[in-house]
PDB file of N, CA and C in Angstrom:
ATOM      1  N   MET A   1      49.607  61.219  93.752  1.00  0.00           N
ATOM      2  CA  MET A   1      48.723  60.086  93.909  1.00  0.00           C
ATOM      3  C   MET A   1      49.559  58.895  94.364  1.00  0.00           C
ATOM      4  N   THR A   2      49.127  58.267  95.422  1.00  0.00           N
ATOM      5  CA  THR A   2      49.865  57.125  95.945  1.00  0.00           C
ATOM      6  C   THR A   2      49.019  55.855  95.852  1.00  0.00           C
ATOM      7  N   LEU A   3      49.698  54.726  95.948  1.00  0.00           N
ATOM      8  CA  LEU A   3      48.967  53.457  95.959  1.00  0.00           C
ATOM      9  C   LEU A   3      48.076  53.354  97.190  1.00  0.00           C
ATOM     10  N   THR A   4      48.513  53.913  98.306  1.00  0.00           N
ATOM     11  CA  THR A   4      47.698  53.890  99.524  1.00  0.00           C
ATOM     12  C   THR A   4      46.386  54.621  99.295  1.00  0.00           C
ATOM     13  N   GLN A   5      46.441  55.761  98.629  1.00  0.00           N
ATOM     14  CA  GLN A   5      45.226  56.515  98.342  1.00  0.00           C
ATOM     15  C   GLN A   5      44.303  55.720  97.416  1.00  0.00           C
ATOM     16  N   ILE A   6      44.889  55.108  96.409  1.00  0.00           N
ATOM     17  CA  ILE A   6      44.095  54.313  95.468  1.00  0.00           C
ATOM     18  C   ILE A   6      43.453  53.130  96.188  1.00  0.00           C
ATOM     19  N   HIS A   7      44.239  52.421  96.998  1.00  0.00           N
ATOM     20  CA  HIS A   7      43.701  51.268  97.737  1.00  0.00           C
ATOM     21  C   HIS A   7      42.601  51.700  98.698  1.00  0.00           C
ATOM     22  N   ALA A   8      42.786  52.839  99.349  1.00  0.00           N
ATOM     23  CA  ALA A   8      41.779  53.328 100.300  1.00  0.00           C
ATOM     24  C   ALA A   8      40.460  53.596  99.587  1.00  0.00           C
ATOM     25  N   LEU A   9      40.511  54.311  98.480  1.00  0.00           N
ATOM     26  CA  LEU A   9      39.287  54.628  97.742  1.00  0.00           C
ATOM     27  C   LEU A   9      38.597  53.365  97.248  1.00  0.00           C
ATOM     28  N   LEU A  10      39.350  52.476  96.650  1.00  0.00           N
ATOM     29  CA  LEU A  10      38.741  51.256  96.112  1.00  0.00           C
ATOM     30  C   LEU A  10      38.198  50.358  97.220  1.00  0.00           C
ATOM     31  N   ALA A  11      38.845  50.350  98.365  1.00  0.00           N
ATOM     32  CA  ALA A  11      38.345  49.560  99.493  1.00  0.00           C
ATOM     33  C   ALA A  11      37.041  50.134 100.029  1.00  0.00           C
ATOM     34  N   VAL A  12      36.945  51.456 100.127  1.00  0.00           N
ATOM     35  CA  VAL A  12      35.702  52.085 100.584  1.00  0.00           C
ATOM     36  C   VAL A  12      34.556  51.697  99.648  1.00  0.00           C
ATOM     37  N   LEU A  13      34.814  51.702  98.368  1.00  0.00           N
ATOM     38  CA  LEU A  13      33.774  51.324  97.408  1.00  0.00           C
ATOM     39  C   LEU A  13      33.443  49.837  97.489  1.00  0.00           C
ATOM     40  N   GLU A  14      34.484  49.021  97.622  1.00  0.00           N
ATOM     41  CA  GLU A  14      34.272  47.563  97.659  1.00  0.00           C
ATOM     42  C   GLU A  14      33.525  47.127  98.915  1.00  0.00           C
ATOM     43  N   TYR A  15      33.868  47.719 100.061  1.00  0.00           N
ATOM     44  CA  TYR A  15      33.299  47.280 101.331  1.00  0.00           C
ATOM     45  C   TYR A  15      32.134  48.148 101.790  1.00  0.00           C
ATOM     46  N   GLY A  16      31.788  49.157 101.000  1.00  0.00           N
ATOM     47  CA  GLY A  16      30.581  49.918 101.277  1.00  0.00           C
ATOM     48  C   GLY A  16      30.695  50.991 102.337  1.00  0.00           C
ATOM     49  N   GLY A  17      31.887  51.308 102.770  1.00  0.00           N
ATOM     50  CA  GLY A  17      32.011  52.372 103.757  1.00  0.00           C
ATOM     51  C   GLY A  17      33.405  52.477 104.328  1.00  0.00           C
ATOM     52  N   PHE A  18      33.628  53.558 105.053  1.00  0.00           N
ATOM     53  CA  PHE A  18      34.934  53.841 105.616  1.00  0.00           C
ATOM     54  C   PHE A  18      35.298  52.887 106.750  1.00  0.00           C
ATOM     55  N   THR A  19      34.313  52.521 107.566  1.00  0.00           N
ATOM     56  CA  THR A  19      34.591  51.676 108.727  1.00  0.00           C
ATOM     57  C   THR A  19      35.103  50.306 108.303  1.00  0.00           C
ATOM     58  N   GLU A  20      34.368  49.656 107.423  1.00  0.00           N
ATOM     59  CA  GLU A  20      34.778  48.315 106.982  1.00  0.00           C
ATOM     60  C   GLU A  20      36.069  48.371 106.183  1.00  0.00           C
ATOM     61  N   ALA A  21      36.219  49.391 105.344  1.00  0.00           N
ATOM     62  CA  ALA A  21      37.450  49.538 104.561  1.00  0.00           C
ATOM     63  C   ALA A  21      38.648  49.708 105.480  1.00  0.00           C
ATOM     64  N   SER A  22      38.490  50.498 106.524  1.00  0.00           N
ATOM     65  CA  SER A  22      39.611  50.721 107.444  1.00  0.00           C
ATOM     66  C   SER A  22      40.010  49.432 108.148  1.00  0.00           C
ATOM     67  N   LYS A  23      39.032  48.611 108.481  1.00  0.00           N
ATOM     68  CA  LYS A  23      39.339  47.319 109.115  1.00  0.00           C
ATOM     69  C   LYS A  23      40.113  46.420 108.153  1.00  0.00           C
ATOM     70  N   ARG A  24      39.667  46.351 106.907  1.00  0.00           N
ATOM     71  CA  ARG A  24      40.302  45.477 105.911  1.00  0.00           C
ATOM     72  C   ARG A  24      41.704  45.939 105.542  1.00  0.00           C
ATOM     73  N   LEU A  25      41.922  47.256 105.593  1.00  0.00           N
ATOM     74  CA  LEU A  25      43.226  47.814 105.227  1.00  0.00           C
ATOM     75  C   LEU A  25      44.172  47.942 106.422  1.00  0.00           C
ATOM     76  N   TYR A  26      43.666  47.625 107.620  1.00  0.00           N
ATOM     77  CA  TYR A  26      44.445  47.782 108.844  1.00  0.00           C
ATOM     78  C   TYR A  26      44.906  49.234 109.006  1.00  0.00           C
ATOM     79  N   MET A  27      43.972  50.141 108.741  1.00  0.00           N
ATOM     80  CA  MET A  27      44.207  51.570 108.895  1.00  0.00           C
ATOM     81  C   MET A  27      43.096  52.129 109.781  1.00  0.00           C
ATOM     82  N   THR A  28      43.334  53.287 110.350  1.00  0.00           N
ATOM     83  CA  THR A  28      42.257  53.926 111.088  1.00  0.00           C
ATOM     84  C   THR A  28      41.267  54.500 110.083  1.00  0.00           C
ATOM     85  N   GLN A  29      40.051  54.701 110.556  1.00  0.00           N
ATOM     86  CA  GLN A  29      39.029  55.281 109.694  1.00  0.00           C
ATOM     87  C   GLN A  29      39.452  56.683 109.261  1.00  0.00           C
ATOM     88  N   SER A  30      40.069  57.396 110.166  1.00  0.00           N
ATOM     89  CA  SER A  30      40.560  58.739 109.866  1.00  0.00           C
ATOM     90  C   SER A  30      41.624  58.709 108.776  1.00  0.00           C
ATOM     91  N   ALA A  31      42.524  57.729 108.825  1.00  0.00           N
ATOM     92  CA  ALA A  31      43.586  57.621 107.819  1.00  0.00           C
ATOM     93  C   ALA A  31      43.009  57.326 106.439  1.00  0.00           C
ATOM     94  N   VAL A  32      41.991  56.483 106.388  1.00  0.00           N
ATOM     95  CA  VAL A  32      41.338  56.179 105.109  1.00  0.00           C
ATOM     96  C   VAL A  32      40.686  57.443 104.556  1.00  0.00           C
ATOM     97  N   SER A  33      39.974  58.150 105.405  1.00  0.00           N
ATOM     98  CA  SER A  33      39.311  59.379 104.990  1.00  0.00           C
ATOM     99  C   SER A  33      40.326  60.420 104.518  1.00  0.00           C
ATOM    100  N   GLN A  34      41.423  60.547 105.246  1.00  0.00           N
ATOM    101  CA  GLN A  34      42.459  61.511 104.869  1.00  0.00           C
ATOM    102  C   GLN A  34      43.118  61.135 103.540  1.00  0.00           C
ATOM    103  N   ALA A  35      43.320  59.852 103.307  1.00  0.00           N
ATOM    104  CA  ALA A  35      43.925  59.403 102.049  1.00  0.00           C
ATOM    105  C   ALA A  35      43.034  59.776 100.870  1.00  0.00           C
ATOM    106  N   ILE A  36      41.742  59.559 101.028  1.00  0.00           N
ATOM    107  CA  ILE A  36      40.814  59.875  99.936  1.00  0.00           C
ATOM    108  C   ILE A  36      40.706  61.393  99.758  1.00  0.00           C
ATOM    109  N   SER A  37      40.673  62.110 100.853  1.00  0.00           N
ATOM    110  CA  SER A  37      40.618  63.578 100.770  1.00  0.00           C
ATOM    111  C   SER A  37      41.863  64.129 100.079  1.00  0.00           C
ATOM    112  N   ALA A  38      43.030  63.551 100.389  1.00  0.00           N
ATOM    113  CA  ALA A  38      44.276  63.999  99.760  1.00  0.00           C
ATOM    114  C   ALA A  38      44.254  63.711  98.260  1.00  0.00           C
ATOM    115  N   LEU A  39      43.698  62.580  97.890  1.00  0.00           N
ATOM    116  CA  LEU A  39      43.574  62.239  96.469  1.00  0.00           C
ATOM    117  C   LEU A  39      42.654  63.235  95.758  1.00  0.00           C
ATOM    118  N   GLU A  40      41.520  63.518  96.379  1.00  0.00           N
ATOM    119  CA  GLU A  40      40.589  64.479  95.800  1.00  0.00           C
ATOM    120  C   GLU A  40      41.223  65.866  95.684  1.00  0.00           C
ATOM    121  N   GLU A  41      41.965  66.239  96.717  1.00  0.00           N
ATOM    122  CA  GLU A  41      42.628  67.552  96.697  1.00  0.00           C
ATOM    123  C   GLU A  41      43.679  67.616  95.589  1.00  0.00           C
ATOM    124  N   GLU A  42      44.451  66.557  95.445  1.00  0.00           N
ATOM    125  CA  GLU A  42      45.472  66.528  94.396  1.00  0.00           C
ATOM    126  C   GLU A  42      44.847  66.637  93.011  1.00  0.00           C
ATOM    127  N   LEU A  43      43.726  65.938  92.816  1.00  0.00           N
ATOM    128  CA  LEU A  43      43.058  65.956  91.520  1.00  0.00           C
ATOM    129  C   LEU A  43      42.216  67.220  91.321  1.00  0.00           C
ATOM    130  N   GLY A  44      41.869  67.854  92.417  1.00  0.00           N
ATOM    131  CA  GLY A  44      41.087  69.087  92.334  1.00  0.00           C
ATOM    132  C   GLY A  44      39.607  68.875  92.097  1.00  0.00           C
ATOM    133  N   ILE A  45      39.115  67.671  92.363  1.00  0.00           N
ATOM    134  CA  ILE A  45      37.689  67.369  92.186  1.00  0.00           C
ATOM    135  C   ILE A  45      37.221  66.444  93.300  1.00  0.00           C
ATOM    136  N   ASP A  46      35.902  66.411  93.507  1.00  0.00           N
ATOM    137  CA  ASP A  46      35.318  65.449  94.434  1.00  0.00           C
ATOM    138  C   ASP A  46      35.129  64.129  93.698  1.00  0.00           C
ATOM    139  N   ILE A  47      35.500  63.063  94.367  1.00  0.00           N
ATOM    140  CA  ILE A  47      35.307  61.726  93.807  1.00  0.00           C
ATOM    141  C   ILE A  47      34.091  61.073  94.450  1.00  0.00           C
ATOM    142  N   LEU A  48      33.928  61.294  95.751  1.00  0.00           N
ATOM    143  CA  LEU A  48      32.817  60.723  96.505  1.00  0.00           C
ATOM    144  C   LEU A  48      31.812  61.798  96.882  1.00  0.00           C
ATOM    145  N   ILE A  49      30.551  61.387  96.934  1.00  0.00           N
ATOM    146  CA  ILE A  49      29.503  62.242  97.501  1.00  0.00           C
ATOM    147  C   ILE A  49      29.373  61.817  98.947  1.00  0.00           C
ATOM    148  N   ARG A  50      29.686  62.720  99.839  1.00  0.00           N
ATOM    149  CA  ARG A  50      29.684  62.396 101.275  1.00  0.00           C
ATOM    150  C   ARG A  50      28.433  62.963 101.925  1.00  0.00           C
ATOM    151  N   GLU A  51      27.554  62.079 102.312  1.00  0.00           N
ATOM    152  CA  GLU A  51      26.377  62.457 103.089  1.00  0.00           C
ATOM    153  C   GLU A  51      26.247  61.437 104.200  1.00  0.00           C
ATOM    154  N   ARG A  52      26.091  61.934 105.396  1.00  0.00           N
ATOM    155  CA  ARG A  52      25.987  61.035 106.551  1.00  0.00           C
ATOM    156  C   ARG A  52      24.806  60.073 106.398  1.00  0.00           C
ATOM    157  N   ARG A  53      25.036  58.867 106.871  1.00  0.00           N
ATOM    158  CA  ARG A  53      24.003  57.833 106.923  1.00  0.00           C
ATOM    159  C   ARG A  53      23.472  57.418 105.552  1.00  0.00           C
ATOM    160  N   LYS A  54      24.229  57.669 104.510  1.00  0.00           N
ATOM    161  CA  LYS A  54      23.820  57.225 103.176  1.00  0.00           C
ATOM    162  C   LYS A  54      24.907  56.341 102.604  1.00  0.00           C
ATOM    163  N   GLU A  55      24.522  55.591 101.586  1.00  0.00           N
ATOM    164  CA  GLU A  55      25.501  54.756 100.896  1.00  0.00           C
ATOM    165  C   GLU A  55      26.557  55.636 100.250  1.00  0.00           C
ATOM    166  N   ILE A  56      27.730  55.053 100.075  1.00  0.00           N
ATOM    167  CA  ILE A  56      28.810  55.760  99.397  1.00  0.00           C
ATOM    168  C   ILE A  56      28.439  55.870  97.919  1.00  0.00           C
ATOM    169  N   GLU A  57      28.516  57.077  97.392  1.00  0.00           N
ATOM    170  CA  GLU A  57      28.239  57.301  95.978  1.00  0.00           C
ATOM    171  C   GLU A  57      29.416  58.009  95.332  1.00  0.00           C
ATOM    172  N   LEU A  58      29.605  57.716  94.066  1.00  0.00           N
ATOM    173  CA  LEU A  58      30.637  58.388  93.283  1.00  0.00           C
ATOM    174  C   LEU A  58      30.030  59.563  92.530  1.00  0.00           C
ATOM    175  N   THR A  59      30.817  60.595  92.361  1.00  0.00           N
ATOM    176  CA  THR A  59      30.420  61.666  91.457  1.00  0.00           C
ATOM    177  C   THR A  59      30.565  61.134  90.035  1.00  0.00           C
ATOM    178  N   ALA A  60      30.087  61.888  89.060  1.00  0.00           N
ATOM    179  CA  ALA A  60      30.227  61.461  87.660  1.00  0.00           C
ATOM    180  C   ALA A  60      31.706  61.322  87.304  1.00  0.00           C
ATOM    181  N   ALA A  61      32.496  62.309  87.706  1.00  0.00           N
ATOM    182  CA  ALA A  61      33.943  62.239  87.439  1.00  0.00           C
ATOM    183  C   ALA A  61      34.559  61.079  88.215  1.00  0.00           C
ATOM    184  N   GLY A  62      34.082  60.861  89.428  1.00  0.00           N
ATOM    185  CA  GLY A  62      34.582  59.765  90.248  1.00  0.00           C
ATOM    186  C   GLY A  62      34.385  58.416  89.581  1.00  0.00           C
ATOM    187  N   SER A  63      33.247  58.236  88.935  1.00  0.00           N
ATOM    188  CA  SER A  63      32.984  56.965  88.228  1.00  0.00           C
ATOM    189  C   SER A  63      34.000  56.727  87.125  1.00  0.00           C
ATOM    190  N   ARG A  64      34.312  57.777  86.384  1.00  0.00           N
ATOM    191  CA  ARG A  64      35.290  57.629  85.294  1.00  0.00           C
ATOM    192  C   ARG A  64      36.688  57.371  85.868  1.00  0.00           C
ATOM    193  N   ILE A  65      37.014  58.076  86.918  1.00  0.00           N
ATOM    194  CA  ILE A  65      38.341  57.929  87.530  1.00  0.00           C
ATOM    195  C   ILE A  65      38.521  56.540  88.122  1.00  0.00           C
ATOM    196  N   VAL A  66      37.497  56.040  88.794  1.00  0.00           N
ATOM    197  CA  VAL A  66      37.599  54.729  89.457  1.00  0.00           C
ATOM    198  C   VAL A  66      37.856  53.621  88.450  1.00  0.00           C
ATOM    199  N   ARG A  67      37.309  53.714  87.257  1.00  0.00           N
ATOM    200  CA  ARG A  67      37.596  52.697  86.228  1.00  0.00           C
ATOM    201  C   ARG A  67      39.098  52.628  85.967  1.00  0.00           C
ATOM    202  N   HIS A  68      39.736  53.773  85.885  1.00  0.00           N
ATOM    203  CA  HIS A  68      41.182  53.814  85.634  1.00  0.00           C
ATOM    204  C   HIS A  68      41.973  53.360  86.861  1.00  0.00           C
ATOM    205  N   LEU A  69      41.497  53.716  88.047  1.00  0.00           N
ATOM    206  CA  LEU A  69      42.196  53.305  89.262  1.00  0.00           C
ATOM    207  C   LEU A  69      42.139  51.789  89.440  1.00  0.00           C
ATOM    208  N   ARG A  70      41.038  51.192  89.053  1.00  0.00           N
ATOM    209  CA  ARG A  70      40.942  49.716  89.120  1.00  0.00           C
ATOM    210  C   ARG A  70      41.928  49.077  88.141  1.00  0.00           C
ATOM    211  N   ALA A  71      42.081  49.675  86.983  1.00  0.00           N
ATOM    212  CA  ALA A  71      43.063  49.165  86.013  1.00  0.00           C
ATOM    213  C   ALA A  71      44.471  49.308  86.572  1.00  0.00           C
ATOM    214  N   ILE A  72      44.752  50.426  87.224  1.00  0.00           N
ATOM    215  CA  ILE A  72      46.062  50.620  87.852  1.00  0.00           C
ATOM    216  C   ILE A  72      46.292  49.555  88.910  1.00  0.00           C
ATOM    217  N   GLN A  73      45.276  49.298  89.724  1.00  0.00           N
ATOM    218  CA  GLN A  73      45.410  48.285  90.768  1.00  0.00           C
ATOM    219  C   GLN A  73      45.663  46.902  90.165  1.00  0.00           C
ATOM    220  N   ARG A  74      44.980  46.573  89.075  1.00  0.00           N
ATOM    221  CA  ARG A  74      45.225  45.285  88.406  1.00  0.00           C
ATOM    222  C   ARG A  74      46.661  45.219  87.891  1.00  0.00           C
ATOM    223  N   ASP A  75      47.130  46.314  87.301  1.00  0.00           N
ATOM    224  CA  ASP A  75      48.498  46.338  86.788  1.00  0.00           C
ATOM    225  C   ASP A  75      49.529  46.206  87.902  1.00  0.00           C
ATOM    226  N   VAL A  76      49.296  46.884  89.010  1.00  0.00           N
ATOM    227  CA  VAL A  76      50.212  46.780  90.153  1.00  0.00           C
ATOM    228  C   VAL A  76      50.235  45.347  90.670  1.00  0.00           C
ATOM    229  N   ASN A  77      49.073  44.723  90.769  1.00  0.00           N
ATOM    230  CA  ASN A  77      49.011  43.329  91.217  1.00  0.00           C
ATOM    231  C   ASN A  77      49.747  42.404  90.245  1.00  0.00           C
ATOM    232  N   ALA A  78      49.633  42.676  88.948  1.00  0.00           N
ATOM    233  CA  ALA A  78      50.343  41.866  87.949  1.00  0.00           C
ATOM    234  C   ALA A  78      51.849  42.022  88.097  1.00  0.00           C
ATOM    235  N   VAL A  79      52.308  43.236  88.338  1.00  0.00           N
ATOM    236  CA  VAL A  79      53.744  43.474  88.540  1.00  0.00           C
ATOM    237  C   VAL A  79      54.232  42.731  89.776  1.00  0.00           C
ATOM    238  N   LYS A  80      53.458  42.775  90.847  1.00  0.00           N
ATOM    239  CA  LYS A  80      53.840  42.064  92.073  1.00  0.00           C
ATOM    240  C   LYS A  80      53.900  40.554  91.834  1.00  0.00           C
ATOM    241  N   GLU A  81      52.967  40.048  91.047  1.00  0.00           N
ATOM    242  CA  GLU A  81      52.943  38.614  90.741  1.00  0.00           C
ATOM    243  C   GLU A  81      54.181  38.216  89.930  1.00  0.00           C
ATOM    244  N   ILE A  82      54.548  39.038  88.969  1.00  0.00           N
ATOM    245  CA  ILE A  82      55.751  38.773  88.176  1.00  0.00           C
ATOM    246  C   ILE A  82      56.975  38.747  89.089  1.00  0.00           C
ATOM    247  N   ALA A  83      57.047  39.698  89.998  1.00  0.00           N
ATOM    248  CA  ALA A  83      58.186  39.751  90.922  1.00  0.00           C
ATOM    249  C   ALA A  83      58.232  38.514  91.806  1.00  0.00           C
ATOM    250  N   GLU A  84      57.084  38.063  92.281  1.00  0.00           N
ATOM    251  CA  GLU A  84      57.042  36.854  93.118  1.00  0.00           C
ATOM    252  C   GLU A  84      57.488  35.625  92.322  1.00  0.00           C
ATOM    253  N   GLN A  85      57.033  35.520  91.087  1.00  0.00           N
ATOM    254  CA  GLN A  85      57.436  34.391  90.250  1.00  0.00           C
ATOM    255  C   GLN A  85      58.936  34.427  89.993  1.00  0.00           C
ATOM    256  N   GLU A  86      59.461  35.608  89.774  1.00  0.00           N
ATOM    257  CA  GLU A  86      60.893  35.749  89.512  1.00  0.00           C
ATOM    258  C   GLU A  86      61.713  35.360  90.740  1.00  0.00           C
ATOM    259  N   LYS A  87      61.206  35.688  91.930  1.00  0.00           N
ATOM    260  CA  LYS A  87      61.915  35.303  93.158  1.00  0.00           C
ATOM    261  C   LYS A  87      61.978  33.787  93.293  1.00  0.00           C
ATOM    262  N   LYS A  88      60.897  33.119  92.907  1.00  0.00           N
ATOM    263  CA  LYS A  88      60.837  31.666  93.021  1.00  0.00           C
ATOM    264  C   LYS A  88      61.682  30.980  91.954  1.00  0.00           C
ATOM    265  N   ASN A  89      61.663  31.505  90.746  1.00  0.00           N
ATOM    266  CA  ASN A  89      62.377  30.895  89.623  1.00  0.00           C
ATOM    267  C   ASN A  89      63.134  31.970  88.842  1.00  0.00           C
ATOM    268  N   PRO A  90      64.229  32.430  89.389  1.00  0.00           N
ATOM    269  CA  PRO A  90      64.943  33.511  88.686  1.00  0.00           C
ATOM    270  C   PRO A  90      65.520  33.042  87.354  1.00  0.00           C
ATOM    271  N   ALA A  91      65.385  33.895  86.357  1.00  0.00           N
ATOM    272  CA  ALA A  91      65.968  33.601  85.048  1.00  0.00           C
ATOM    273  C   ALA A  91      67.471  33.851  85.132  1.00  0.00           C
ATOM    274  N   ARG A  92      68.216  32.972  84.538  1.00  0.00           N
ATOM    275  CA  ARG A  92      69.666  33.116  84.574  1.00  0.00           C
ATOM    276  C   ARG A  92      70.220  32.982  83.165  1.00  0.00           C
ATOM    277  N   THR A  93      71.337  33.620  82.940  1.00  0.00           N
ATOM    278  CA  THR A  93      71.990  33.557  81.645  1.00  0.00           C
ATOM    279  C   THR A  93      73.175  32.609  81.733  1.00  0.00           C
ATOM    280  N   LEU A  94      73.240  31.727  80.797  1.00  0.00           N
ATOM    281  CA  LEU A  94      74.367  30.800  80.702  1.00  0.00           C
ATOM    282  C   LEU A  94      75.101  31.113  79.413  1.00  0.00           C
ATOM    283  N   ARG A  95      76.363  31.414  79.531  1.00  0.00           N
ATOM    284  CA  ARG A  95      77.172  31.723  78.352  1.00  0.00           C
ATOM    285  C   ARG A  95      78.135  30.571  78.097  1.00  0.00           C
ATOM    286  N   ILE A  96      78.143  30.130  76.877  1.00  0.00           N
ATOM    287  CA  ILE A  96      79.007  29.020  76.496  1.00  0.00           C
ATOM    288  C   ILE A  96      79.944  29.508  75.400  1.00  0.00           C
ATOM    289  N   GLY A  97      81.202  29.315  75.609  1.00  0.00           N
ATOM    290  CA  GLY A  97      82.183  29.722  74.613  1.00  0.00           C
ATOM    291  C   GLY A  97      82.922  28.515  74.056  1.00  0.00           C
ATOM    292  N   CYS A  98      83.339  28.643  72.830  1.00  0.00           N
ATOM    293  CA  CYS A  98      84.035  27.539  72.182  1.00  0.00           C
ATOM    294  C   CYS A  98      84.865  28.108  71.031  1.00  0.00           C
ATOM    295  N   PHE A  99      85.982  27.489  70.770  1.00  0.00           N
ATOM    296  CA  PHE A  99      86.790  27.889  69.615  1.00  0.00           C
ATOM    297  C   PHE A  99      86.010  27.567  68.345  1.00  0.00           C
ATOM    298  N   PRO A 100      86.223  28.329  67.298  1.00  0.00           N
ATOM    299  CA  PRO A 100      85.437  28.143  66.065  1.00  0.00           C
ATOM    300  C   PRO A 100      85.545  26.756  65.448  1.00  0.00           C
ATOM    301  N   ALA A 101      86.688  26.153  65.457  1.00  0.00           N
ATOM    302  CA  ALA A 101      86.851  24.863  64.773  1.00  0.00           C
ATOM    303  C   ALA A 101      85.957  23.765  65.358  1.00  0.00           C
ATOM    304  N   PRO A 102      85.936  23.529  66.685  1.00  0.00           N
ATOM    305  CA  PRO A 102      85.097  22.446  67.205  1.00  0.00           C
ATOM    306  C   PRO A 102      83.628  22.845  67.418  1.00  0.00           C
ATOM    307  N   ALA A 103      83.287  24.099  67.219  1.00  0.00           N
ATOM    308  CA  ALA A 103      81.924  24.575  67.499  1.00  0.00           C
ATOM    309  C   ALA A 103      80.830  23.768  66.800  1.00  0.00           C
ATOM    310  N   PRO A 104      80.932  23.474  65.510  1.00  0.00           N
ATOM    311  CA  PRO A 104      79.848  22.723  64.854  1.00  0.00           C
ATOM    312  C   PRO A 104      79.580  21.361  65.489  1.00  0.00           C
ATOM    313  N   ALA A 105      80.581  20.746  66.027  1.00  0.00           N
ATOM    314  CA  ALA A 105      80.393  19.437  66.652  1.00  0.00           C
ATOM    315  C   ALA A 105      79.976  19.588  68.120  1.00  0.00           C
ATOM    316  N   PHE A 106      80.471  20.627  68.767  1.00  0.00           N
ATOM    317  CA  PHE A 106      80.267  20.802  70.204  1.00  0.00           C
ATOM    318  C   PHE A 106      78.883  21.356  70.542  1.00  0.00           C
ATOM    319  N   TYR A 107      78.450  22.419  69.872  1.00  0.00           N
ATOM    320  CA  TYR A 107      77.228  23.120  70.244  1.00  0.00           C
ATOM    321  C   TYR A 107      75.958  22.271  70.158  1.00  0.00           C
ATOM    322  N   PRO A 108      75.684  21.555  69.084  1.00  0.00           N
ATOM    323  CA  PRO A 108      74.425  20.799  69.024  1.00  0.00           C
ATOM    324  C   PRO A 108      74.287  19.784  70.157  1.00  0.00           C
ATOM    325  N   ALA A 109      75.335  19.079  70.461  1.00  0.00           N
ATOM    326  CA  ALA A 109      75.265  18.086  71.540  1.00  0.00           C
ATOM    327  C   ALA A 109      75.097  18.764  72.890  1.00  0.00           C
ATOM    328  N   SER A 110      75.823  19.853  73.090  1.00  0.00           N
ATOM    329  CA  SER A 110      75.739  20.585  74.362  1.00  0.00           C
ATOM    330  C   SER A 110      74.339  21.141  74.585  1.00  0.00           C
ATOM    331  N   PHE A 111      73.772  21.731  73.545  1.00  0.00           N
ATOM    332  CA  PHE A 111      72.440  22.309  73.685  1.00  0.00           C
ATOM    333  C   PHE A 111      71.384  21.238  73.941  1.00  0.00           C
ATOM    334  N   ALA A 112      71.543  20.095  73.340  1.00  0.00           N
ATOM    335  CA  ALA A 112      70.592  18.999  73.561  1.00  0.00           C
ATOM    336  C   ALA A 112      70.638  18.549  75.018  1.00  0.00           C
ATOM    337  N   ILE A 113      71.827  18.450  75.569  1.00  0.00           N
ATOM    338  CA  ILE A 113      71.972  18.053  76.981  1.00  0.00           C
ATOM    339  C   ILE A 113      71.383  19.122  77.901  1.00  0.00           C
ATOM    340  N   LEU A 114      71.712  20.385  77.651  1.00  0.00           N
ATOM    341  CA  LEU A 114      71.180  21.477  78.482  1.00  0.00           C
ATOM    342  C   LEU A 114      69.664  21.559  78.410  1.00  0.00           C
ATOM    343  N   LYS A 115      69.114  21.391  77.225  1.00  0.00           N
ATOM    344  CA  LYS A 115      67.662  21.444  77.058  1.00  0.00           C
ATOM    345  C   LYS A 115      66.992  20.333  77.871  1.00  0.00           C
ATOM    346  N   ALA A 116      67.585  19.145  77.850  1.00  0.00           N
ATOM    347  CA  ALA A 116      67.039  18.022  78.619  1.00  0.00           C
ATOM    348  C   ALA A 116      67.093  18.313  80.118  1.00  0.00           C
ATOM    349  N   ILE A 117      68.171  18.928  80.574  1.00  0.00           N
ATOM    350  CA  ILE A 117      68.317  19.257  82.002  1.00  0.00           C
ATOM    351  C   ILE A 117      67.291  20.311  82.410  1.00  0.00           C
ATOM    352  N   ILE A 118      67.121  21.336  81.611  1.00  0.00           N
ATOM    353  CA  ILE A 118      66.207  22.430  81.925  1.00  0.00           C
ATOM    354  C   ILE A 118      64.766  21.938  81.989  1.00  0.00           C
ATOM    355  N   GLN A 119      64.394  20.997  81.141  1.00  0.00           N
ATOM    356  CA  GLN A 119      63.015  20.524  81.084  1.00  0.00           C
ATOM    357  C   GLN A 119      62.696  19.509  82.173  1.00  0.00           C
ATOM    358  N   MET A 120      63.651  19.158  82.980  1.00  0.00           N
ATOM    359  CA  MET A 120      63.397  18.189  84.055  1.00  0.00           C
ATOM    360  C   MET A 120      62.490  18.770  85.097  1.00  0.00           C
TER     361      MET A 120
END
């Protein structure tokens, strides 16, 4: 199962057909159809009821599967968002070392200054 297959199926459902889904995904109609067929073949069940000139319908199993595929798509989008945020504001580690004797006097003042800088 690939993300392309998942996106193809969900796009067909969202846009009401293979033609519009293929336009939105920048794929050929044949590629969208093949992606969904490959997904169905991998799972060993029909997800869509295919009848010419009718609305796209899900099989009973397809309805249950699509709920999970939508959750997968939401999770993938969340992961991508986290990655984008990290690119913009990467977390960094700052290590501060000090000899034990001056540490009680040094650390509180240093941390106060660093905290003020970070919150700017």
